[in-house]
N, C-alpha and C. Protein backbone atom coordinates (compact mmCIF):
# COMPACT_ATOMS: atom_id res chain seq x y z
N MET A 1 133.96 95.88 85.57
CA MET A 1 132.81 96.75 85.31
C MET A 1 132.17 97.19 86.64
N THR A 2 131.58 98.37 86.65
CA THR A 2 130.96 98.90 87.85
C THR A 2 129.60 98.27 88.09
N ALA A 3 129.36 97.89 89.34
CA ALA A 3 128.09 97.26 89.69
C ALA A 3 126.95 98.28 89.63
N ARG A 4 125.76 97.78 89.37
CA ARG A 4 124.56 98.61 89.30
C ARG A 4 123.38 97.80 89.82
N ILE A 5 122.26 98.47 89.99
CA ILE A 5 121.03 97.85 90.48
C ILE A 5 119.96 97.94 89.42
N GLU A 6 119.27 96.82 89.16
CA GLU A 6 118.17 96.79 88.20
C GLU A 6 116.94 96.20 88.88
N ARG A 7 115.76 96.60 88.40
CA ARG A 7 114.51 96.12 88.99
C ARG A 7 113.67 95.40 87.94
N VAL A 8 113.07 94.28 88.34
CA VAL A 8 112.10 93.56 87.52
C VAL A 8 110.80 93.49 88.32
N VAL A 9 109.70 93.94 87.75
CA VAL A 9 108.41 93.93 88.43
C VAL A 9 107.56 92.79 87.88
N THR A 10 107.06 91.94 88.77
CA THR A 10 106.19 90.84 88.39
C THR A 10 104.86 90.97 89.12
N GLU A 11 103.82 90.34 88.58
CA GLU A 11 102.49 90.41 89.16
C GLU A 11 101.96 89.00 89.41
N GLY A 12 101.11 88.89 90.42
CA GLY A 12 100.50 87.59 90.69
C GLY A 12 99.60 87.65 91.90
N VAL A 13 99.14 86.48 92.32
CA VAL A 13 98.23 86.35 93.45
C VAL A 13 98.89 85.49 94.51
N VAL A 14 98.82 85.94 95.76
CA VAL A 14 99.36 85.20 96.90
C VAL A 14 98.21 84.86 97.84
N GLU A 15 98.16 83.61 98.30
CA GLU A 15 97.13 83.19 99.24
C GLU A 15 97.70 83.18 100.65
N ILE A 16 97.06 83.93 101.55
CA ILE A 16 97.48 83.99 102.95
C ILE A 16 96.27 83.68 103.81
N ASP A 17 96.37 82.59 104.59
CA ASP A 17 95.28 82.17 105.48
C ASP A 17 93.96 82.05 104.73
N GLY A 18 94.03 81.47 103.53
CA GLY A 18 92.83 81.22 102.76
C GLY A 18 92.30 82.39 101.97
N THR A 19 92.96 83.54 102.05
CA THR A 19 92.52 84.72 101.32
C THR A 19 93.54 85.06 100.24
N GLU A 20 93.06 85.34 99.03
CA GLU A 20 93.95 85.67 97.93
C GLU A 20 94.21 87.17 97.90
N HIS A 21 95.48 87.52 97.68
CA HIS A 21 95.89 88.91 97.62
C HIS A 21 96.64 89.13 96.31
N LYS A 22 96.19 90.11 95.52
CA LYS A 22 96.90 90.46 94.29
C LYS A 22 98.06 91.37 94.63
N VAL A 23 99.25 91.02 94.16
CA VAL A 23 100.44 91.79 94.52
C VAL A 23 101.34 92.01 93.31
N GLU A 24 102.09 93.09 93.38
CA GLU A 24 103.22 93.32 92.49
C GLU A 24 104.49 93.17 93.31
N ASN A 25 105.46 92.51 92.74
CA ASN A 25 106.73 92.28 93.44
C ASN A 25 107.89 92.89 92.69
N ASN A 26 108.83 93.41 93.46
CA ASN A 26 110.10 93.85 92.90
C ASN A 26 111.13 92.76 93.09
N THR A 27 111.74 92.33 92.01
CA THR A 27 112.94 91.50 92.08
C THR A 27 114.11 92.39 91.73
N TRP A 28 115.13 92.38 92.57
CA TRP A 28 116.28 93.26 92.38
C TRP A 28 117.48 92.47 91.88
N ILE A 29 118.18 93.03 90.93
CA ILE A 29 119.36 92.41 90.34
C ILE A 29 120.54 93.33 90.59
N VAL A 30 121.59 92.80 91.23
CA VAL A 30 122.78 93.57 91.54
C VAL A 30 123.96 92.92 90.83
N GLY A 31 124.69 93.70 90.07
CA GLY A 31 125.85 93.14 89.38
C GLY A 31 126.35 94.05 88.29
N ASP A 32 127.18 93.48 87.43
CA ASP A 32 127.74 94.24 86.31
C ASP A 32 127.40 93.55 85.01
N ASP A 33 128.23 93.69 84.00
CA ASP A 33 127.95 93.08 82.70
C ASP A 33 128.34 91.60 82.64
N GLU A 34 128.95 91.09 83.70
CA GLU A 34 129.43 89.71 83.70
C GLU A 34 128.68 88.81 84.68
N GLU A 35 128.34 89.33 85.86
CA GLU A 35 127.76 88.49 86.91
C GLU A 35 126.77 89.28 87.75
N VAL A 36 125.80 88.56 88.33
CA VAL A 36 124.78 89.22 89.13
C VAL A 36 124.37 88.36 90.32
N ILE A 37 123.77 89.01 91.30
CA ILE A 37 123.02 88.36 92.36
C ILE A 37 121.58 88.80 92.22
N VAL A 38 120.65 87.86 92.35
CA VAL A 38 119.23 88.15 92.23
C VAL A 38 118.62 88.12 93.64
N ILE A 39 117.87 89.17 93.98
CA ILE A 39 117.27 89.29 95.30
C ILE A 39 115.75 89.18 95.17
N ASP A 40 115.17 88.23 95.90
CA ASP A 40 113.72 87.99 95.92
C ASP A 40 113.18 87.65 94.53
N ALA A 41 113.61 86.51 94.01
CA ALA A 41 113.12 86.04 92.72
C ALA A 41 111.68 85.59 92.87
N SER A 42 110.77 86.40 92.39
CA SER A 42 109.36 86.13 92.57
C SER A 42 108.87 85.13 91.55
N ARG A 43 107.64 85.27 91.10
CA ARG A 43 106.93 84.19 90.41
C ARG A 43 107.30 83.98 88.95
N ASP A 44 107.95 84.94 88.30
CA ASP A 44 108.15 84.89 86.85
C ASP A 44 109.63 84.74 86.52
N ALA A 45 110.11 83.51 86.49
CA ALA A 45 111.52 83.25 86.24
C ALA A 45 111.93 83.72 84.84
N ASP A 46 111.06 83.53 83.85
CA ASP A 46 111.40 83.92 82.48
C ASP A 46 111.67 85.42 82.39
N LYS A 47 110.82 86.21 83.03
CA LYS A 47 110.99 87.66 82.98
C LYS A 47 112.27 88.08 83.70
N ILE A 48 112.56 87.44 84.81
CA ILE A 48 113.78 87.77 85.56
C ILE A 48 115.01 87.40 84.75
N LEU A 49 115.01 86.20 84.18
CA LEU A 49 116.17 85.75 83.42
C LEU A 49 116.33 86.52 82.12
N GLU A 50 115.25 87.02 81.58
CA GLU A 50 115.35 87.89 80.40
C GLU A 50 116.14 89.15 80.73
N GLN A 51 115.90 89.71 81.92
CA GLN A 51 116.64 90.89 82.34
C GLN A 51 118.10 90.54 82.65
N VAL A 52 118.32 89.37 83.23
CA VAL A 52 119.69 88.94 83.53
C VAL A 52 120.49 88.75 82.24
N GLY A 53 119.84 88.21 81.22
CA GLY A 53 120.51 87.98 79.94
C GLY A 53 121.59 86.91 80.05
N GLU A 54 122.72 87.18 79.43
CA GLU A 54 123.81 86.20 79.40
C GLU A 54 124.72 86.27 80.62
N ARG A 55 124.43 87.16 81.53
CA ARG A 55 125.26 87.28 82.73
C ARG A 55 125.10 86.07 83.64
N GLU A 56 126.14 85.75 84.37
CA GLU A 56 126.09 84.60 85.28
C GLU A 56 125.39 84.97 86.57
N VAL A 57 124.43 84.15 86.98
CA VAL A 57 123.78 84.32 88.28
C VAL A 57 124.62 83.60 89.33
N LEU A 58 125.18 84.35 90.27
CA LEU A 58 126.02 83.76 91.32
C LEU A 58 125.18 83.22 92.48
N ALA A 59 124.11 83.95 92.81
CA ALA A 59 123.29 83.57 93.95
C ALA A 59 121.90 84.17 93.80
N VAL A 60 120.93 83.50 94.40
CA VAL A 60 119.58 84.03 94.55
C VAL A 60 119.35 84.16 96.05
N ILE A 61 119.16 85.39 96.52
CA ILE A 61 119.01 85.65 97.94
C ILE A 61 117.55 86.00 98.22
N CYS A 62 116.97 85.34 99.21
CA CYS A 62 115.57 85.55 99.57
C CYS A 62 115.52 86.28 100.90
N THR A 63 114.91 87.47 100.92
CA THR A 63 114.83 88.22 102.18
C THR A 63 113.79 87.64 103.13
N ALA A 64 112.95 86.74 102.63
CA ALA A 64 111.96 86.03 103.45
C ALA A 64 111.60 84.74 102.74
N GLY A 65 110.96 83.83 103.47
CA GLY A 65 110.57 82.55 102.89
C GLY A 65 109.19 82.53 102.30
N LEU A 66 108.55 83.67 102.18
CA LEU A 66 107.18 83.77 101.67
C LEU A 66 107.11 83.44 100.18
N PRO A 67 105.96 82.97 99.71
CA PRO A 67 105.84 82.55 98.30
C PRO A 67 106.24 83.61 97.30
N ASP A 68 105.89 84.87 97.57
CA ASP A 68 106.20 85.91 96.59
C ASP A 68 107.64 86.41 96.71
N HIS A 69 108.43 85.79 97.57
CA HIS A 69 109.87 86.06 97.64
C HIS A 69 110.68 84.91 97.04
N VAL A 70 110.11 83.71 97.01
CA VAL A 70 110.89 82.52 96.64
C VAL A 70 110.31 81.77 95.44
N GLY A 71 109.21 82.26 94.89
CA GLY A 71 108.47 81.48 93.89
C GLY A 71 109.25 81.10 92.65
N ALA A 72 110.24 81.93 92.27
CA ALA A 72 111.05 81.62 91.08
C ALA A 72 112.50 81.33 91.45
N ALA A 73 112.77 81.17 92.73
CA ALA A 73 114.15 81.04 93.18
C ALA A 73 114.86 79.84 92.57
N ILE A 74 114.22 78.69 92.59
CA ILE A 74 114.87 77.48 92.10
C ILE A 74 115.14 77.56 90.61
N GLU A 75 114.15 78.02 89.85
CA GLU A 75 114.32 78.08 88.41
C GLU A 75 115.38 79.10 88.00
N VAL A 76 115.40 80.25 88.65
CA VAL A 76 116.42 81.26 88.34
C VAL A 76 117.80 80.75 88.71
N ALA A 77 117.92 80.12 89.87
CA ALA A 77 119.23 79.63 90.31
C ALA A 77 119.74 78.48 89.47
N SER A 78 118.83 77.61 89.04
CA SER A 78 119.26 76.39 88.37
C SER A 78 119.91 76.64 87.01
N ARG A 79 119.58 77.75 86.37
CA ARG A 79 120.15 77.99 85.04
C ARG A 79 121.68 77.99 85.07
N ASP A 80 122.25 78.62 86.10
CA ASP A 80 123.70 78.72 86.21
C ASP A 80 124.24 77.96 87.41
N GLU A 81 123.44 77.05 87.97
CA GLU A 81 123.82 76.30 89.16
C GLU A 81 124.23 77.24 90.29
N ALA A 82 123.48 78.31 90.44
CA ALA A 82 123.73 79.28 91.51
C ALA A 82 123.20 78.74 92.83
N VAL A 83 123.66 79.33 93.92
CA VAL A 83 123.18 78.95 95.24
C VAL A 83 121.96 79.80 95.61
N VAL A 84 121.10 79.23 96.44
CA VAL A 84 119.95 79.94 96.98
C VAL A 84 120.19 80.15 98.47
N ALA A 85 119.99 81.38 98.94
CA ALA A 85 120.25 81.71 100.34
C ALA A 85 118.98 82.17 101.03
N LEU A 86 118.78 81.69 102.26
CA LEU A 86 117.61 82.03 103.07
C LEU A 86 118.00 81.93 104.54
N HIS A 87 117.39 82.76 105.38
CA HIS A 87 117.62 82.62 106.82
C HIS A 87 116.97 81.33 107.30
N PRO A 88 117.64 80.56 108.16
CA PRO A 88 117.09 79.25 108.57
C PRO A 88 115.75 79.34 109.30
N LYS A 89 115.46 80.46 109.95
CA LYS A 89 114.17 80.57 110.64
C LYS A 89 112.98 80.65 109.68
N ASP A 90 113.25 80.92 108.41
CA ASP A 90 112.18 80.97 107.42
C ASP A 90 112.07 79.69 106.59
N LYS A 91 112.79 78.66 106.99
CA LYS A 91 112.70 77.40 106.24
C LYS A 91 111.30 76.79 106.26
N PRO A 92 110.57 76.86 107.38
CA PRO A 92 109.19 76.34 107.32
C PRO A 92 108.33 77.05 106.28
N LEU A 93 108.51 78.34 106.12
CA LEU A 93 107.77 79.08 105.09
C LEU A 93 108.22 78.65 103.70
N TRP A 94 109.51 78.47 103.52
CA TRP A 94 110.05 77.99 102.24
C TRP A 94 109.40 76.67 101.85
N ARG A 95 109.21 75.81 102.83
CA ARG A 95 108.69 74.46 102.57
C ARG A 95 107.25 74.50 102.04
N GLU A 96 106.54 75.58 102.30
CA GLU A 96 105.18 75.71 101.78
C GLU A 96 105.18 75.89 100.26
N THR A 97 106.27 76.40 99.71
CA THR A 97 106.39 76.57 98.25
C THR A 97 107.20 75.46 97.63
N TRP A 98 108.31 75.10 98.26
CA TRP A 98 109.22 74.09 97.72
C TRP A 98 109.29 72.91 98.68
N ARG A 99 108.51 71.87 98.40
CA ARG A 99 108.38 70.75 99.33
C ARG A 99 109.48 69.70 99.20
N GLU A 100 110.24 69.75 98.11
CA GLU A 100 111.21 68.69 97.88
C GLU A 100 112.64 69.20 97.79
N THR A 101 112.86 70.42 98.20
CA THR A 101 114.22 70.96 98.16
C THR A 101 114.40 71.98 99.27
N TRP A 102 115.66 72.28 99.56
CA TRP A 102 116.01 73.27 100.58
C TRP A 102 116.95 74.31 99.98
N PRO A 103 117.02 75.50 100.58
CA PRO A 103 118.04 76.47 100.15
C PRO A 103 119.44 75.90 100.38
N ASP A 104 120.39 76.44 99.65
CA ASP A 104 121.78 75.96 99.76
C ASP A 104 122.52 76.61 100.92
N ILE A 105 122.16 77.84 101.25
CA ILE A 105 122.90 78.61 102.25
C ILE A 105 121.95 79.09 103.33
N ASP A 106 122.32 78.86 104.60
CA ASP A 106 121.60 79.42 105.73
C ASP A 106 122.23 80.76 106.08
N MET A 107 121.55 81.84 105.74
CA MET A 107 122.08 83.17 106.04
C MET A 107 122.01 83.46 107.53
N GLU A 108 122.96 84.23 108.00
CA GLU A 108 122.95 84.71 109.38
C GLU A 108 123.32 86.18 109.40
N ASP A 109 123.05 86.83 110.52
CA ASP A 109 123.38 88.24 110.69
C ASP A 109 124.86 88.48 110.43
N ASP A 110 125.15 89.55 109.71
CA ASP A 110 126.51 89.97 109.37
C ASP A 110 127.17 89.06 108.32
N GLY A 111 126.39 88.20 107.67
CA GLY A 111 126.93 87.45 106.54
C GLY A 111 127.24 88.38 105.39
N ILE A 112 128.08 87.92 104.48
CA ILE A 112 128.57 88.77 103.39
C ILE A 112 128.45 88.02 102.07
N PHE A 113 127.96 88.70 101.05
CA PHE A 113 127.98 88.22 99.67
C PHE A 113 128.76 89.22 98.83
N GLY A 114 129.45 88.71 97.81
CA GLY A 114 130.17 89.58 96.91
C GLY A 114 129.73 89.36 95.48
N VAL A 115 129.62 90.45 94.74
CA VAL A 115 129.29 90.36 93.32
C VAL A 115 129.93 91.55 92.62
N ALA A 116 130.48 91.30 91.44
CA ALA A 116 131.17 92.36 90.70
C ALA A 116 132.19 93.03 91.65
N ASP A 117 132.06 94.34 91.85
CA ASP A 117 133.03 95.04 92.70
C ASP A 117 132.41 95.55 93.99
N VAL A 118 131.30 94.91 94.45
CA VAL A 118 130.65 95.39 95.67
C VAL A 118 130.40 94.26 96.65
N GLN A 119 130.14 94.64 97.89
CA GLN A 119 129.83 93.72 98.98
C GLN A 119 128.41 93.96 99.45
N ILE A 120 127.69 92.87 99.73
CA ILE A 120 126.33 92.94 100.25
C ILE A 120 126.32 92.31 101.63
N ASP A 121 125.89 93.08 102.63
CA ASP A 121 125.90 92.64 104.02
C ASP A 121 124.51 92.23 104.47
N VAL A 122 124.42 91.12 105.19
CA VAL A 122 123.16 90.61 105.69
C VAL A 122 122.84 91.25 107.04
N MET A 123 121.62 91.76 107.18
CA MET A 123 121.13 92.34 108.43
C MET A 123 119.84 91.62 108.81
N GLU A 124 119.82 90.98 109.95
CA GLU A 124 118.59 90.34 110.40
C GLU A 124 117.55 91.41 110.75
N THR A 125 116.39 91.34 110.09
CA THR A 125 115.31 92.30 110.36
C THR A 125 113.99 91.53 110.48
N PRO A 126 113.85 90.73 111.53
CA PRO A 126 112.62 89.93 111.69
C PRO A 126 111.43 90.80 112.03
N GLY A 127 110.27 90.22 111.89
CA GLY A 127 109.03 90.92 112.21
C GLY A 127 107.91 90.40 111.35
N VAL A 128 107.97 90.67 110.06
CA VAL A 128 106.98 90.11 109.14
C VAL A 128 107.12 88.60 109.11
N THR A 129 108.36 88.12 109.07
CA THR A 129 108.65 86.69 109.22
C THR A 129 109.77 86.55 110.25
N PRO A 130 109.89 85.38 110.89
CA PRO A 130 110.93 85.21 111.90
C PRO A 130 112.34 85.34 111.35
N GLY A 131 112.52 84.94 110.08
CA GLY A 131 113.84 84.97 109.48
C GLY A 131 114.01 86.06 108.44
N GLY A 132 113.25 87.11 108.55
CA GLY A 132 113.38 88.20 107.59
C GLY A 132 114.74 88.86 107.68
N VAL A 133 115.31 89.19 106.53
CA VAL A 133 116.60 89.88 106.49
C VAL A 133 116.49 91.07 105.54
N SER A 134 117.41 92.02 105.74
CA SER A 134 117.65 93.08 104.78
C SER A 134 119.08 92.96 104.30
N LEU A 135 119.36 93.49 103.13
CA LEU A 135 120.67 93.34 102.50
C LEU A 135 121.20 94.73 102.17
N TYR A 136 122.30 95.11 102.82
CA TYR A 136 122.84 96.45 102.69
C TYR A 136 124.07 96.46 101.79
N CYS A 137 124.04 97.31 100.79
CA CYS A 137 125.19 97.50 99.91
C CYS A 137 125.68 98.94 100.07
N GLU A 138 126.68 99.12 100.88
CA GLU A 138 127.18 100.47 101.16
C GLU A 138 127.71 101.14 99.90
N ALA A 139 128.40 100.38 99.06
CA ALA A 139 129.00 100.97 97.87
C ALA A 139 127.97 101.55 96.92
N LEU A 140 126.79 100.94 96.87
CA LEU A 140 125.72 101.41 96.00
C LEU A 140 124.70 102.28 96.73
N GLY A 141 124.91 102.49 98.03
CA GLY A 141 124.02 103.34 98.80
C GLY A 141 122.59 102.84 98.84
N ALA A 142 122.42 101.52 99.02
CA ALA A 142 121.08 100.94 98.97
C ALA A 142 120.94 99.82 99.98
N VAL A 143 119.71 99.66 100.49
CA VAL A 143 119.38 98.53 101.35
C VAL A 143 118.12 97.88 100.80
N PHE A 144 118.19 96.58 100.62
CA PHE A 144 117.07 95.79 100.11
C PHE A 144 116.33 95.23 101.32
N THR A 145 115.14 95.75 101.57
CA THR A 145 114.48 95.54 102.86
C THR A 145 113.38 94.49 102.84
N GLY A 146 113.12 93.85 101.71
CA GLY A 146 112.04 92.88 101.67
C GLY A 146 110.73 93.52 102.07
N LYS A 147 110.04 92.91 103.05
CA LYS A 147 108.80 93.49 103.57
C LYS A 147 109.01 94.27 104.86
N ALA A 148 110.22 94.27 105.40
CA ALA A 148 110.44 94.90 106.70
C ALA A 148 110.10 96.38 106.67
N LEU A 149 110.50 97.08 105.61
CA LEU A 149 110.29 98.52 105.51
C LEU A 149 110.05 98.86 104.05
N GLN A 150 108.95 99.55 103.78
CA GLN A 150 108.56 99.90 102.42
C GLN A 150 108.33 101.40 102.33
N ALA A 151 107.99 101.88 101.16
CA ALA A 151 107.83 103.32 100.96
C ALA A 151 106.72 103.90 101.82
N ASP A 152 105.71 103.08 102.16
CA ASP A 152 104.60 103.55 102.99
C ASP A 152 104.76 103.15 104.45
N GLY A 153 105.94 102.68 104.83
CA GLY A 153 106.22 102.33 106.22
C GLY A 153 106.46 100.85 106.40
N PRO A 154 106.35 100.34 107.63
CA PRO A 154 106.56 98.91 107.89
C PRO A 154 105.59 98.06 107.06
N GLY A 155 106.13 97.01 106.44
CA GLY A 155 105.30 96.15 105.62
C GLY A 155 104.42 95.24 106.45
N LYS A 156 103.35 94.78 105.82
CA LYS A 156 102.40 93.89 106.46
C LYS A 156 102.39 92.53 105.77
N LEU A 157 101.70 91.60 106.39
CA LEU A 157 101.46 90.30 105.81
C LEU A 157 99.96 90.03 105.86
N GLY A 158 99.33 90.00 104.70
CA GLY A 158 97.90 89.80 104.66
C GLY A 158 97.14 90.90 105.37
N GLY A 159 97.67 92.13 105.33
CA GLY A 159 97.01 93.26 105.96
C GLY A 159 97.25 93.39 107.44
N GLU A 160 98.08 92.53 108.02
CA GLU A 160 98.35 92.56 109.46
C GLU A 160 99.85 92.64 109.72
N TYR A 161 100.20 93.01 110.94
CA TYR A 161 101.58 92.99 111.41
C TYR A 161 101.76 91.75 112.29
N PRO A 162 102.43 90.73 111.82
CA PRO A 162 102.56 89.49 112.60
C PRO A 162 103.30 89.67 113.92
N ALA A 163 104.31 90.54 113.95
CA ALA A 163 105.09 90.76 115.17
C ALA A 163 105.64 92.18 115.10
N LEU A 164 104.79 93.15 115.32
CA LEU A 164 105.15 94.54 115.09
C LEU A 164 106.26 95.02 116.01
N ALA A 165 106.26 94.57 117.26
CA ALA A 165 107.33 94.98 118.17
C ALA A 165 108.70 94.58 117.63
N ASP A 166 108.82 93.34 117.16
CA ASP A 166 110.08 92.88 116.58
C ASP A 166 110.42 93.68 115.32
N GLN A 167 109.40 93.96 114.52
CA GLN A 167 109.62 94.67 113.26
C GLN A 167 110.12 96.09 113.52
N LEU A 168 109.51 96.79 114.48
CA LEU A 168 109.95 98.14 114.79
C LEU A 168 111.33 98.15 115.44
N THR A 169 111.62 97.14 116.23
CA THR A 169 112.97 97.01 116.78
C THR A 169 113.99 96.87 115.65
N SER A 170 113.66 96.06 114.65
CA SER A 170 114.55 95.88 113.50
C SER A 170 114.75 97.19 112.74
N ILE A 171 113.65 97.90 112.53
CA ILE A 171 113.72 99.15 111.77
C ILE A 171 114.53 100.20 112.53
N GLY A 172 114.19 100.40 113.80
CA GLY A 172 114.87 101.44 114.56
C GLY A 172 116.30 101.10 114.91
N GLY A 173 116.55 99.84 115.25
CA GLY A 173 117.87 99.44 115.70
C GLY A 173 118.84 99.09 114.60
N ARG A 174 118.34 98.78 113.41
CA ARG A 174 119.22 98.39 112.31
C ARG A 174 119.10 99.32 111.11
N LEU A 175 117.91 99.40 110.54
CA LEU A 175 117.76 100.14 109.27
C LEU A 175 117.95 101.64 109.46
N PHE A 176 117.43 102.18 110.56
CA PHE A 176 117.55 103.62 110.75
C PHE A 176 118.90 104.05 111.31
N THR A 177 119.84 103.12 111.40
CA THR A 177 121.23 103.48 111.69
C THR A 177 122.01 103.74 110.42
N LEU A 178 121.40 103.46 109.26
CA LEU A 178 122.08 103.67 107.98
C LEU A 178 122.02 105.14 107.58
N PRO A 179 122.91 105.59 106.70
CA PRO A 179 122.88 107.00 106.26
C PRO A 179 121.52 107.39 105.69
N GLY A 180 121.14 108.64 105.90
CA GLY A 180 119.82 109.10 105.51
C GLY A 180 119.55 109.03 104.03
N ASP A 181 120.61 109.11 103.20
CA ASP A 181 120.40 109.07 101.75
C ASP A 181 120.41 107.65 101.19
N THR A 182 120.44 106.64 102.06
CA THR A 182 120.41 105.25 101.62
C THR A 182 119.07 104.95 100.94
N ARG A 183 119.12 104.37 99.76
CA ARG A 183 117.91 104.00 99.04
C ARG A 183 117.27 102.78 99.70
N VAL A 184 115.98 102.83 99.95
CA VAL A 184 115.24 101.70 100.49
C VAL A 184 114.53 101.01 99.33
N LEU A 185 114.99 99.80 99.02
CA LEU A 185 114.47 99.04 97.87
C LEU A 185 113.76 97.81 98.42
N ALA A 186 112.45 97.90 98.50
CA ALA A 186 111.63 96.86 99.11
C ALA A 186 111.10 95.89 98.07
N VAL A 187 110.43 94.85 98.54
CA VAL A 187 109.87 93.85 97.64
C VAL A 187 108.57 94.33 97.00
N HIS A 188 107.97 95.38 97.57
CA HIS A 188 106.76 95.96 97.00
C HIS A 188 106.91 97.48 96.92
N GLY A 189 106.34 98.08 95.88
CA GLY A 189 106.25 99.53 95.82
C GLY A 189 107.48 100.22 95.28
N ASP A 190 107.43 101.56 95.37
CA ASP A 190 108.50 102.40 94.85
C ASP A 190 109.61 102.55 95.87
N GLU A 191 110.72 103.11 95.41
CA GLU A 191 111.83 103.32 96.32
C GLU A 191 111.66 104.63 97.08
N VAL A 192 112.36 104.69 98.21
CA VAL A 192 112.34 105.85 99.07
C VAL A 192 113.71 105.87 99.73
N THR A 193 113.97 106.81 100.61
CA THR A 193 115.23 106.82 101.34
C THR A 193 115.00 106.65 102.83
N ILE A 194 116.05 106.27 103.52
CA ILE A 194 115.99 106.18 104.98
C ILE A 194 115.59 107.53 105.57
N GLY A 195 116.14 108.60 105.03
CA GLY A 195 115.83 109.93 105.54
C GLY A 195 114.38 110.32 105.35
N ASP A 196 113.74 109.80 104.31
CA ASP A 196 112.32 110.09 104.10
C ASP A 196 111.45 109.44 105.18
N LEU A 197 111.84 108.25 105.62
CA LEU A 197 110.99 107.46 106.52
C LEU A 197 111.28 107.67 107.99
N GLU A 198 112.53 107.96 108.33
CA GLU A 198 112.92 108.02 109.74
C GLU A 198 112.10 109.00 110.57
N PRO A 199 111.69 110.17 110.04
CA PRO A 199 110.90 111.09 110.87
C PRO A 199 109.56 110.52 111.34
N HIS A 200 109.09 109.46 110.71
CA HIS A 200 107.81 108.87 111.09
C HIS A 200 107.94 107.82 112.19
N PHE A 201 109.16 107.50 112.57
CA PHE A 201 109.37 106.36 113.47
C PHE A 201 108.70 106.55 114.82
N ASP A 202 108.82 107.74 115.40
CA ASP A 202 108.21 107.96 116.72
C ASP A 202 106.70 107.74 116.68
N ASP A 203 106.07 108.14 115.57
CA ASP A 203 104.62 107.91 115.44
C ASP A 203 104.31 106.43 115.38
N TRP A 204 105.14 105.68 114.66
CA TRP A 204 104.92 104.23 114.58
C TRP A 204 105.04 103.59 115.95
N VAL A 205 106.07 103.99 116.69
CA VAL A 205 106.29 103.42 118.02
C VAL A 205 105.14 103.78 118.96
N SER A 206 104.59 104.97 118.79
CA SER A 206 103.53 105.40 119.68
C SER A 206 102.19 104.76 119.36
N GLY A 207 102.13 103.96 118.27
CA GLY A 207 100.93 103.19 117.99
C GLY A 207 100.12 103.66 116.81
N SER A 208 100.64 104.59 116.00
CA SER A 208 99.85 105.14 114.89
C SER A 208 99.51 104.09 113.84
N LEU A 209 100.32 103.04 113.75
CA LEU A 209 100.09 102.02 112.71
C LEU A 209 98.87 101.17 112.99
N THR A 210 98.55 100.99 114.25
CA THR A 210 97.50 100.03 114.61
C THR A 210 96.44 100.60 115.52
N ARG A 211 96.58 101.85 115.93
CA ARG A 211 95.64 102.42 116.89
C ARG A 211 94.24 102.48 116.30
N VAL A 212 93.27 102.10 117.08
CA VAL A 212 91.87 102.23 116.68
C VAL A 212 91.25 103.35 117.50
N ASP A 213 90.27 104.00 116.94
CA ASP A 213 89.61 105.10 117.64
C ASP A 213 88.67 104.54 118.71
N THR A 214 89.08 104.70 119.96
CA THR A 214 88.21 104.30 121.07
C THR A 214 87.93 105.56 121.89
N GLU A 215 88.33 105.55 123.14
CA GLU A 215 88.17 106.75 123.93
C GLU A 215 89.36 107.66 123.73
N ALA A 216 89.10 108.94 123.73
CA ALA A 216 90.19 109.90 123.55
C ALA A 216 91.21 109.70 124.66
N GLY A 217 92.46 109.71 124.25
CA GLY A 217 93.55 109.57 125.21
C GLY A 217 93.90 108.15 125.56
N SER A 218 93.20 107.18 125.00
CA SER A 218 93.49 105.77 125.29
C SER A 218 94.54 105.26 124.33
N ASP A 219 95.66 104.77 124.88
CA ASP A 219 96.72 104.26 124.04
C ASP A 219 96.36 102.88 123.49
N GLY A 220 95.94 101.97 124.37
CA GLY A 220 95.51 100.65 123.93
C GLY A 220 96.66 99.78 123.47
N PRO A 221 96.42 98.48 123.37
CA PRO A 221 97.44 97.56 122.89
C PRO A 221 97.52 97.58 121.38
N LEU A 222 98.62 97.12 120.87
CA LEU A 222 98.73 96.92 119.43
C LEU A 222 97.88 95.71 119.05
N THR A 223 97.48 95.65 117.78
CA THR A 223 96.55 94.61 117.37
C THR A 223 97.17 93.23 117.35
N ASP A 224 98.52 93.14 117.37
CA ASP A 224 99.11 91.81 117.41
C ASP A 224 99.32 91.33 118.85
N GLY A 225 98.75 92.06 119.80
CA GLY A 225 98.79 91.61 121.19
C GLY A 225 99.98 92.08 121.97
N THR A 226 100.87 92.84 121.35
CA THR A 226 102.04 93.34 122.07
C THR A 226 101.74 94.71 122.64
N LYS A 227 102.62 95.16 123.49
CA LYS A 227 102.54 96.50 124.04
C LYS A 227 103.73 97.29 123.52
N ILE A 228 103.58 98.61 123.54
CA ILE A 228 104.69 99.46 123.11
C ILE A 228 105.95 99.16 123.93
N SER A 229 105.79 98.80 125.19
CA SER A 229 106.94 98.51 126.03
C SER A 229 107.73 97.30 125.54
N GLY A 230 107.16 96.52 124.64
CA GLY A 230 107.88 95.36 124.11
C GLY A 230 108.85 95.70 123.01
N ILE A 231 108.88 96.93 122.57
CA ILE A 231 109.78 97.33 121.49
C ILE A 231 111.12 97.74 122.10
N LYS A 232 112.17 97.13 121.61
CA LYS A 232 113.51 97.39 122.15
C LYS A 232 114.40 97.92 121.04
N LEU A 233 115.22 98.88 121.36
CA LEU A 233 116.23 99.39 120.44
C LEU A 233 117.59 99.10 121.01
N GLY A 234 118.47 98.52 120.22
CA GLY A 234 119.79 98.18 120.70
C GLY A 234 119.78 96.86 121.44
N ASP A 235 120.88 96.58 122.14
CA ASP A 235 121.06 95.27 122.78
C ASP A 235 120.88 95.34 124.29
N ASP A 236 120.43 96.48 124.82
CA ASP A 236 120.29 96.59 126.29
C ASP A 236 119.15 95.74 126.81
């Protein structure tokens, strides 16, 4: 059977640094009529498994270790004894939600998952979290970006950019190398394409995301303490 992409939207509250944030999350399901991979199993395992139905869950992949990415991971995976995958740099974040267990697989850059008749490639896209990843499925023309890149631009954590230089490096050096018609399927919000977002990149790099109105012509530092010169594209 031909693989397809399905979305499950869940709602809940996430606490970040003592402040509660109401959020909607997208959980993505990739597979066919027999087997699936679940991406970012959020807080409502029953709703996710209802959409999965009788299909076998092969893996639950978490694009970050944050609570709204992993909150239902164990319960969704345990039904079919599926594996849970997370980048090792996000294990400390995982431990904040799951104190007595660990993911089964430590994802790394260029790792590969297979489901139905398609391949899903792991792309390291740190910034919002140290171990943030995106998952590219060329056959389906889609990239699952977690919080790294959303319909309204680079994602935030609690209203802030934890490491914006790293995040923009990930976006420019990895995500914006994909074809322009690639669907961007993030953990929050609606879908968009790479081609829709790429024209805004120069503005982001120049500081439009964090610039405050001070004196005219003043570039100023980014609010996370980095400078524009800290953003690198490529491996040079």
